[in-house]
Amino acid sequence: MTGTRVELSGRLLLTSVAAFGHSCMAPSLVMVIFGVISAAGGGAAPTAFLVVTGAMFLTALSYAKVARHFPVSGSAQAVEA
């Protein structure tokens, strides 16, 4: 870091709002499609969901790192000014 203060604006664009809304609805999809995936996948569905859970965990760690780097700027909806 160069020591200069970096701040992000808290503006939300339509694409950001749509992506945020989609990410809030996506977890409920697991409950709807689990039976179909389990039947079609021959029992590999639990393993697939464990792999995806790992990817989601790594994404959460990335968000935590960004939040530590820009502590006053909000979360995913913050856009660089």
N, C-alpha and C. Protein backbone atom coordinates (compact mmCIF):
# COMPACT_ATOMS: atom_id res chain seq x y z
N MET A 1 0.85 -1.18 0.00
CA MET A 1 0.00 0.00 0.00
C MET A 1 0.89 1.24 0.00
N THR A 2 0.39 2.27 -0.61
CA THR A 2 1.15 3.51 -0.72
C THR A 2 0.86 4.45 0.42
N GLY A 3 -0.10 4.13 1.26
CA GLY A 3 -0.44 5.01 2.37
C GLY A 3 -1.56 5.97 2.04
N THR A 4 -1.99 6.03 0.80
CA THR A 4 -3.10 6.90 0.46
C THR A 4 -4.41 6.24 0.87
N ARG A 5 -5.34 7.06 1.28
CA ARG A 5 -6.63 6.54 1.74
C ARG A 5 -7.52 6.26 0.54
N VAL A 6 -8.02 5.04 0.46
CA VAL A 6 -8.90 4.63 -0.63
C VAL A 6 -10.29 4.41 -0.06
N GLU A 7 -11.28 5.04 -0.64
CA GLU A 7 -12.66 4.86 -0.21
C GLU A 7 -13.50 4.46 -1.40
N LEU A 8 -14.50 3.65 -1.15
CA LEU A 8 -15.42 3.23 -2.19
C LEU A 8 -16.76 3.91 -1.99
N SER A 9 -17.43 4.20 -3.08
CA SER A 9 -18.75 4.80 -2.97
C SER A 9 -19.77 3.70 -2.73
N GLY A 10 -20.89 4.03 -2.11
CA GLY A 10 -21.91 3.04 -1.78
C GLY A 10 -23.04 3.00 -2.79
N ARG A 11 -22.76 3.23 -4.06
CA ARG A 11 -23.80 3.24 -5.10
C ARG A 11 -24.16 1.83 -5.52
N LEU A 12 -25.43 1.63 -5.80
CA LEU A 12 -25.89 0.34 -6.32
C LEU A 12 -26.44 0.55 -7.72
N LEU A 13 -25.93 -0.21 -8.66
CA LEU A 13 -26.45 -0.17 -10.02
C LEU A 13 -27.47 -1.29 -10.19
N LEU A 14 -28.24 -1.25 -11.27
CA LEU A 14 -29.26 -2.26 -11.50
C LEU A 14 -28.65 -3.66 -11.57
N THR A 15 -27.51 -3.79 -12.23
CA THR A 15 -26.88 -5.11 -12.32
C THR A 15 -26.44 -5.61 -10.95
N SER A 16 -25.97 -4.71 -10.10
CA SER A 16 -25.56 -5.10 -8.76
C SER A 16 -26.75 -5.57 -7.94
N VAL A 17 -27.86 -4.85 -8.04
CA VAL A 17 -29.06 -5.24 -7.31
C VAL A 17 -29.58 -6.58 -7.80
N ALA A 18 -29.58 -6.78 -9.11
CA ALA A 18 -30.05 -8.05 -9.67
C ALA A 18 -29.15 -9.21 -9.24
N ALA A 19 -27.85 -9.01 -9.25
CA ALA A 19 -26.93 -10.06 -8.82
C ALA A 19 -27.10 -10.36 -7.33
N PHE A 20 -27.29 -9.33 -6.53
CA PHE A 20 -27.47 -9.51 -5.09
C PHE A 20 -28.77 -10.27 -4.82
N GLY A 21 -29.84 -9.93 -5.52
CA GLY A 21 -31.11 -10.63 -5.35
C GLY A 21 -31.02 -12.08 -5.77
N HIS A 22 -30.31 -12.33 -6.86
CA HIS A 22 -30.14 -13.71 -7.33
C HIS A 22 -29.35 -14.52 -6.31
N SER A 23 -28.34 -13.94 -5.72
CA SER A 23 -27.53 -14.68 -4.74
C SER A 23 -28.32 -14.97 -3.47
N CYS A 24 -29.31 -14.15 -3.17
CA CYS A 24 -30.15 -14.42 -2.00
C CYS A 24 -31.14 -15.55 -2.28
N MET A 25 -31.59 -15.68 -3.52
CA MET A 25 -32.56 -16.72 -3.87
C MET A 25 -31.89 -18.05 -4.19
N ALA A 26 -30.64 -18.05 -4.59
CA ALA A 26 -29.96 -19.26 -5.04
C ALA A 26 -29.90 -20.38 -4.00
N PRO A 27 -29.68 -20.10 -2.71
CA PRO A 27 -29.64 -21.22 -1.76
C PRO A 27 -30.93 -22.03 -1.69
N SER A 28 -32.07 -21.43 -1.93
CA SER A 28 -33.33 -22.18 -1.88
C SER A 28 -33.44 -23.16 -3.06
N LEU A 29 -32.67 -22.93 -4.10
CA LEU A 29 -32.68 -23.82 -5.26
C LEU A 29 -32.22 -25.23 -4.89
N VAL A 30 -31.32 -25.32 -3.92
CA VAL A 30 -30.81 -26.62 -3.49
C VAL A 30 -31.95 -27.50 -2.99
N MET A 31 -32.87 -26.94 -2.24
CA MET A 31 -33.98 -27.72 -1.69
C MET A 31 -34.91 -28.21 -2.81
N VAL A 32 -35.05 -27.44 -3.85
CA VAL A 32 -35.97 -27.79 -4.93
C VAL A 32 -35.39 -28.88 -5.83
N ILE A 33 -34.10 -28.80 -6.14
CA ILE A 33 -33.54 -29.69 -7.15
C ILE A 33 -32.75 -30.87 -6.59
N PHE A 34 -32.61 -30.99 -5.29
CA PHE A 34 -31.75 -32.04 -4.74
C PHE A 34 -32.22 -33.43 -5.15
N GLY A 35 -33.52 -33.70 -5.10
CA GLY A 35 -34.03 -35.02 -5.46
C GLY A 35 -33.77 -35.36 -6.91
N VAL A 36 -33.96 -34.39 -7.80
CA VAL A 36 -33.72 -34.61 -9.24
C VAL A 36 -32.25 -34.90 -9.49
N ILE A 37 -31.39 -34.11 -8.88
CA ILE A 37 -29.95 -34.30 -9.08
C ILE A 37 -29.50 -35.63 -8.49
N SER A 38 -30.03 -35.97 -7.33
CA SER A 38 -29.64 -37.22 -6.69
C SER A 38 -30.03 -38.43 -7.54
N ALA A 39 -31.22 -38.39 -8.12
CA ALA A 39 -31.67 -39.51 -8.96
C ALA A 39 -30.86 -39.58 -10.26
N ALA A 40 -30.59 -38.44 -10.86
CA ALA A 40 -29.88 -38.42 -12.14
C ALA A 40 -28.38 -38.67 -11.97
N GLY A 41 -27.83 -38.31 -10.82
CA GLY A 41 -26.39 -38.41 -10.63
C GLY A 41 -25.92 -39.72 -10.05
N GLY A 42 -26.83 -40.61 -9.76
CA GLY A 42 -26.41 -41.90 -9.24
C GLY A 42 -25.78 -41.82 -7.86
N GLY A 43 -26.22 -40.90 -7.05
CA GLY A 43 -25.70 -40.79 -5.69
C GLY A 43 -24.51 -39.87 -5.52
N ALA A 44 -24.12 -39.18 -6.57
CA ALA A 44 -22.97 -38.27 -6.48
C ALA A 44 -23.36 -36.87 -6.01
N ALA A 45 -24.64 -36.63 -5.80
CA ALA A 45 -25.10 -35.29 -5.41
C ALA A 45 -24.48 -34.80 -4.10
N PRO A 46 -24.43 -35.62 -3.05
CA PRO A 46 -23.82 -35.11 -1.81
C PRO A 46 -22.37 -34.68 -2.00
N THR A 47 -21.62 -35.41 -2.80
CA THR A 47 -20.22 -35.04 -3.06
C THR A 47 -20.16 -33.72 -3.83
N ALA A 48 -21.03 -33.56 -4.79
CA ALA A 48 -21.06 -32.32 -5.56
C ALA A 48 -21.39 -31.13 -4.66
N PHE A 49 -22.35 -31.31 -3.76
CA PHE A 49 -22.71 -30.21 -2.86
C PHE A 49 -21.59 -29.92 -1.87
N LEU A 50 -20.83 -30.92 -1.46
CA LEU A 50 -19.67 -30.67 -0.59
C LEU A 50 -18.59 -29.88 -1.32
N VAL A 51 -18.36 -30.20 -2.58
CA VAL A 51 -17.37 -29.45 -3.37
C VAL A 51 -17.81 -27.99 -3.52
N VAL A 52 -19.07 -27.80 -3.82
CA VAL A 52 -19.59 -26.43 -3.98
C VAL A 52 -19.54 -25.67 -2.65
N THR A 53 -19.80 -26.37 -1.55
CA THR A 53 -19.70 -25.73 -0.24
C THR A 53 -18.27 -25.24 0.00
N GLY A 54 -17.29 -26.02 -0.40
CA GLY A 54 -15.90 -25.59 -0.29
C GLY A 54 -15.62 -24.35 -1.10
N ALA A 55 -16.15 -24.30 -2.32
CA ALA A 55 -15.97 -23.11 -3.16
C ALA A 55 -16.63 -21.89 -2.53
N MET A 56 -17.81 -22.08 -1.96
CA MET A 56 -18.50 -20.97 -1.30
C MET A 56 -17.71 -20.49 -0.08
N PHE A 57 -17.10 -21.41 0.64
CA PHE A 57 -16.28 -21.05 1.80
C PHE A 57 -15.09 -20.20 1.36
N LEU A 58 -14.43 -20.59 0.27
CA LEU A 58 -13.30 -19.79 -0.23
C LEU A 58 -13.76 -18.40 -0.68
N THR A 59 -14.95 -18.32 -1.26
CA THR A 59 -15.50 -17.01 -1.65
C THR A 59 -15.76 -16.16 -0.42
N ALA A 60 -16.29 -16.77 0.64
CA ALA A 60 -16.54 -16.03 1.88
C ALA A 60 -15.23 -15.52 2.47
N LEU A 61 -14.18 -16.32 2.41
CA LEU A 61 -12.88 -15.85 2.90
C LEU A 61 -12.38 -14.66 2.08
N SER A 62 -12.63 -14.69 0.78
CA SER A 62 -12.23 -13.58 -0.07
C SER A 62 -12.97 -12.30 0.30
N TYR A 63 -14.29 -12.42 0.54
CA TYR A 63 -15.06 -11.26 0.98
C TYR A 63 -14.55 -10.73 2.31
N ALA A 64 -14.17 -11.61 3.22
CA ALA A 64 -13.64 -11.18 4.51
C ALA A 64 -12.33 -10.41 4.32
N LYS A 65 -11.50 -10.87 3.40
CA LYS A 65 -10.23 -10.18 3.13
C LYS A 65 -10.48 -8.79 2.56
N VAL A 66 -11.42 -8.68 1.63
CA VAL A 66 -11.75 -7.38 1.05
C VAL A 66 -12.34 -6.45 2.12
N ALA A 67 -13.18 -6.99 2.99
CA ALA A 67 -13.78 -6.18 4.05
C ALA A 67 -12.72 -5.66 5.01
N ARG A 68 -11.69 -6.44 5.27
CA ARG A 68 -10.59 -5.96 6.12
C ARG A 68 -9.79 -4.88 5.41
N HIS A 69 -9.66 -4.99 4.11
CA HIS A 69 -8.88 -4.02 3.33
C HIS A 69 -9.62 -2.69 3.19
N PHE A 70 -10.95 -2.73 3.05
CA PHE A 70 -11.78 -1.53 2.91
C PHE A 70 -12.83 -1.53 4.01
N PRO A 71 -12.46 -1.28 5.26
CA PRO A 71 -13.40 -1.45 6.38
C PRO A 71 -14.55 -0.44 6.43
N VAL A 72 -14.43 0.71 5.81
CA VAL A 72 -15.48 1.72 5.91
C VAL A 72 -16.37 1.78 4.69
N SER A 73 -16.24 0.84 3.78
CA SER A 73 -16.90 0.97 2.48
C SER A 73 -18.12 0.12 2.28
N GLY A 74 -18.53 -0.67 3.22
CA GLY A 74 -19.70 -1.51 3.02
C GLY A 74 -19.30 -2.91 2.61
N SER A 75 -20.12 -3.53 1.75
CA SER A 75 -19.80 -4.89 1.35
C SER A 75 -19.79 -5.00 -0.16
N ALA A 76 -20.44 -6.02 -0.69
CA ALA A 76 -20.38 -6.29 -2.13
C ALA A 76 -20.95 -5.16 -2.97
N GLN A 77 -21.84 -4.36 -2.40
CA GLN A 77 -22.46 -3.31 -3.19
C GLN A 77 -21.56 -2.08 -3.35
N ALA A 78 -20.42 -2.04 -2.69
CA ALA A 78 -19.53 -0.88 -2.79
C ALA A 78 -18.81 -0.93 -4.14
N VAL A 79 -18.78 0.22 -4.82
CA VAL A 79 -18.15 0.32 -6.13
C VAL A 79 -17.05 1.37 -6.02
N GLU A 80 -15.90 1.07 -6.58
CA GLU A 80 -14.78 2.00 -6.46
C GLU A 80 -15.13 3.34 -7.12
N ALA A 81 -14.83 4.42 -6.42
CA ALA A 81 -15.13 5.78 -6.90
C ALA A 81 -14.14 6.24 -7.93
